[in-house]
Amino acid sequence: MTGFELWETRSRNLIADYDTEAEALAEVWAAMHLHGPEYADSLMLVQVGPWGGLTTLASGRELATRAQAAQAPNRKRVSA
């Protein structure tokens, strides 16, 4: 089974692990709203393969952009 991990790159600490990429990106999005967009600058999202291999999916501003794009379909549109 594949999983996803969110790492803080400055301290090299694992923040959390997730079953889906969507869950991880939602967490990044929430943290950016709480701490500001620069919070993602020191984050890295990795995919954990079925045998434990790690693949970096995105980090820093690329991760912030990815988190924002993942939330776009969930936003309600306000019509005038």
C-alpha atoms as a PDB file:
ATOM      1  CA  MET A   1       0.000   0.000   0.000  1.00  0.00           C
ATOM      2  CA  THR A   2       1.161   3.493  -0.828  1.00  0.00           C
ATOM      3  CA  GLY A   3       1.190   6.248   1.778  1.00  0.00           C
ATOM      4  CA  PHE A   4       2.204   9.881   2.028  1.00  0.00           C
ATOM      5  CA  GLU A   5       4.386  11.687   4.550  1.00  0.00           C
ATOM      6  CA  LEU A   6       4.767  15.367   5.313  1.00  0.00           C
ATOM      7  CA  TRP A   7       8.247  16.389   6.470  1.00  0.00           C
ATOM      8  CA  GLU A   8       9.631  19.592   7.948  1.00  0.00           C
ATOM      9  CA  THR A   9      12.918  20.000   6.102  1.00  0.00           C
ATOM     10  CA  ARG A  10      14.773  22.333   8.477  1.00  0.00           C
ATOM     11  CA  SER A  11      14.414  20.072  11.514  1.00  0.00           C
ATOM     12  CA  ARG A  12      14.132  16.867   9.449  1.00  0.00           C
ATOM     13  CA  ASN A  13      11.092  15.860  11.476  1.00  0.00           C
ATOM     14  CA  LEU A  14       8.167  13.844  10.218  1.00  0.00           C
ATOM     15  CA  ILE A  15       5.038  15.929  10.781  1.00  0.00           C
ATOM     16  CA  ALA A  16       2.438  13.298   9.897  1.00  0.00           C
ATOM     17  CA  ASP A  17       1.591  10.451   7.562  1.00  0.00           C
ATOM     18  CA  TYR A  18      -1.539  10.118   5.452  1.00  0.00           C
ATOM     19  CA  ASP A  19      -3.378   7.463   3.501  1.00  0.00           C
ATOM     20  CA  THR A  20      -3.990   9.780   0.539  1.00  0.00           C
ATOM     21  CA  GLU A  21      -2.239  12.678  -1.131  1.00  0.00           C
ATOM     22  CA  ALA A  22      -5.464  14.682  -0.878  1.00  0.00           C
ATOM     23  CA  GLU A  23      -5.413  14.407   2.920  1.00  0.00           C
ATOM     24  CA  ALA A  24      -1.805  15.589   3.047  1.00  0.00           C
ATOM     25  CA  LEU A  25      -2.466  18.520   0.725  1.00  0.00           C
ATOM     26  CA  ALA A  26      -5.513  19.534   2.781  1.00  0.00           C
ATOM     27  CA  GLU A  27      -3.292  19.609   5.875  1.00  0.00           C
ATOM     28  CA  VAL A  28      -0.721  21.785   4.093  1.00  0.00           C
ATOM     29  CA  TRP A  29      -3.513  24.113   2.953  1.00  0.00           C
ATOM     30  CA  ALA A  30      -4.877  24.406   6.507  1.00  0.00           C
ATOM     31  CA  ALA A  31      -1.405  25.095   7.928  1.00  0.00           C
ATOM     32  CA  MET A  32      -0.787  27.802   5.337  1.00  0.00           C
ATOM     33  CA  HIS A  33      -4.016  29.532   6.366  1.00  0.00           C
ATOM     34  CA  LEU A  34      -3.080  29.315  10.028  1.00  0.00           C
ATOM     35  CA  HIS A  35       0.608  30.292   9.753  1.00  0.00           C
ATOM     36  CA  GLY A  36       0.802  32.128   6.417  1.00  0.00           C
ATOM     37  CA  PRO A  37       1.830  30.921   2.954  1.00  0.00           C
ATOM     38  CA  GLU A  38       5.543  30.949   3.796  1.00  0.00           C
ATOM     39  CA  TYR A  39       4.921  28.052   6.192  1.00  0.00           C
ATOM     40  CA  ALA A  40       5.125  25.668   3.229  1.00  0.00           C
ATOM     41  CA  ASP A  41       8.660  26.850   2.420  1.00  0.00           C
ATOM     42  CA  SER A  42      10.135  24.252   4.778  1.00  0.00           C
ATOM     43  CA  LEU A  43       7.729  21.393   4.020  1.00  0.00           C
ATOM     44  CA  MET A  44       8.210  18.375   1.784  1.00  0.00           C
ATOM     45  CA  LEU A  45       5.607  15.824   0.696  1.00  0.00           C
ATOM     46  CA  VAL A  46       6.866  12.334  -0.073  1.00  0.00           C
ATOM     47  CA  GLN A  47       5.148   9.219  -1.325  1.00  0.00           C
ATOM     48  CA  VAL A  48       5.997   5.968   0.408  1.00  0.00           C
ATOM     49  CA  GLY A  49       5.903   3.031  -1.973  1.00  0.00           C
ATOM     50  CA  PRO A  50       4.644  -0.450  -1.099  1.00  0.00           C
ATOM     51  CA  TRP A  51       8.169  -1.617  -0.193  1.00  0.00           C
ATOM     52  CA  GLY A  52       9.157   1.523   1.688  1.00  0.00           C
ATOM     53  CA  GLY A  53      10.816   3.469  -1.111  1.00  0.00           C
ATOM     54  CA  LEU A  54      10.408   7.247  -0.900  1.00  0.00           C
ATOM     55  CA  THR A  55       9.635   9.606  -3.777  1.00  0.00           C
ATOM     56  CA  THR A  56       9.568  13.369  -3.253  1.00  0.00           C
ATOM     57  CA  LEU A  57       6.390  14.771  -4.787  1.00  0.00           C
ATOM     58  CA  ALA A  58       6.790  18.467  -3.972  1.00  0.00           C
ATOM     59  CA  SER A  59       8.375  20.867  -1.522  1.00  0.00           C
ATOM     60  CA  GLY A  60       8.336  24.557  -0.665  1.00  0.00           C
ATOM     61  CA  ARG A  61       6.454  26.842  -3.007  1.00  0.00           C
ATOM     62  CA  GLU A  62       5.697  24.002  -5.401  1.00  0.00           C
ATOM     63  CA  LEU A  63       3.968  22.184  -2.537  1.00  0.00           C
ATOM     64  CA  ALA A  64       2.038  25.341  -1.628  1.00  0.00           C
ATOM     65  CA  THR A  65       0.854  25.678  -5.226  1.00  0.00           C
ATOM     66  CA  ARG A  66      -0.122  22.021  -5.327  1.00  0.00           C
ATOM     67  CA  ALA A  67      -2.065  22.327  -2.046  1.00  0.00           C
ATOM     68  CA  GLN A  68      -3.885  25.398  -3.314  1.00  0.00           C
ATOM     69  CA  ALA A  69      -4.789  23.707  -6.605  1.00  0.00           C
ATOM     70  CA  ALA A  70      -6.080  20.633  -4.762  1.00  0.00           C
ATOM     71  CA  GLN A  71      -8.450  22.797  -2.724  1.00  0.00           C
ATOM     72  CA  ALA A  72      -9.785  24.804  -5.688  1.00  0.00           C
ATOM     73  CA  PRO A  73     -12.587  22.326  -6.588  1.00  0.00           C
ATOM     74  CA  ASN A  74     -13.761  22.355  -2.964  1.00  0.00           C
ATOM     75  CA  ARG A  75     -14.200  26.107  -2.718  1.00  0.00           C
ATOM     76  CA  LYS A  76     -17.694  27.449  -2.961  1.00  0.00           C
ATOM     77  CA  ARG A  77     -18.189  30.132  -5.545  1.00  0.00           C
ATOM     78  CA  VAL A  78     -19.947  33.278  -4.485  1.00  0.00           C
ATOM     79  CA  SER A  79     -22.152  34.705  -7.208  1.00  0.00           C
ATOM     80  CA  ALA A  80     -23.185  38.335  -7.337  1.00  0.00           C
END
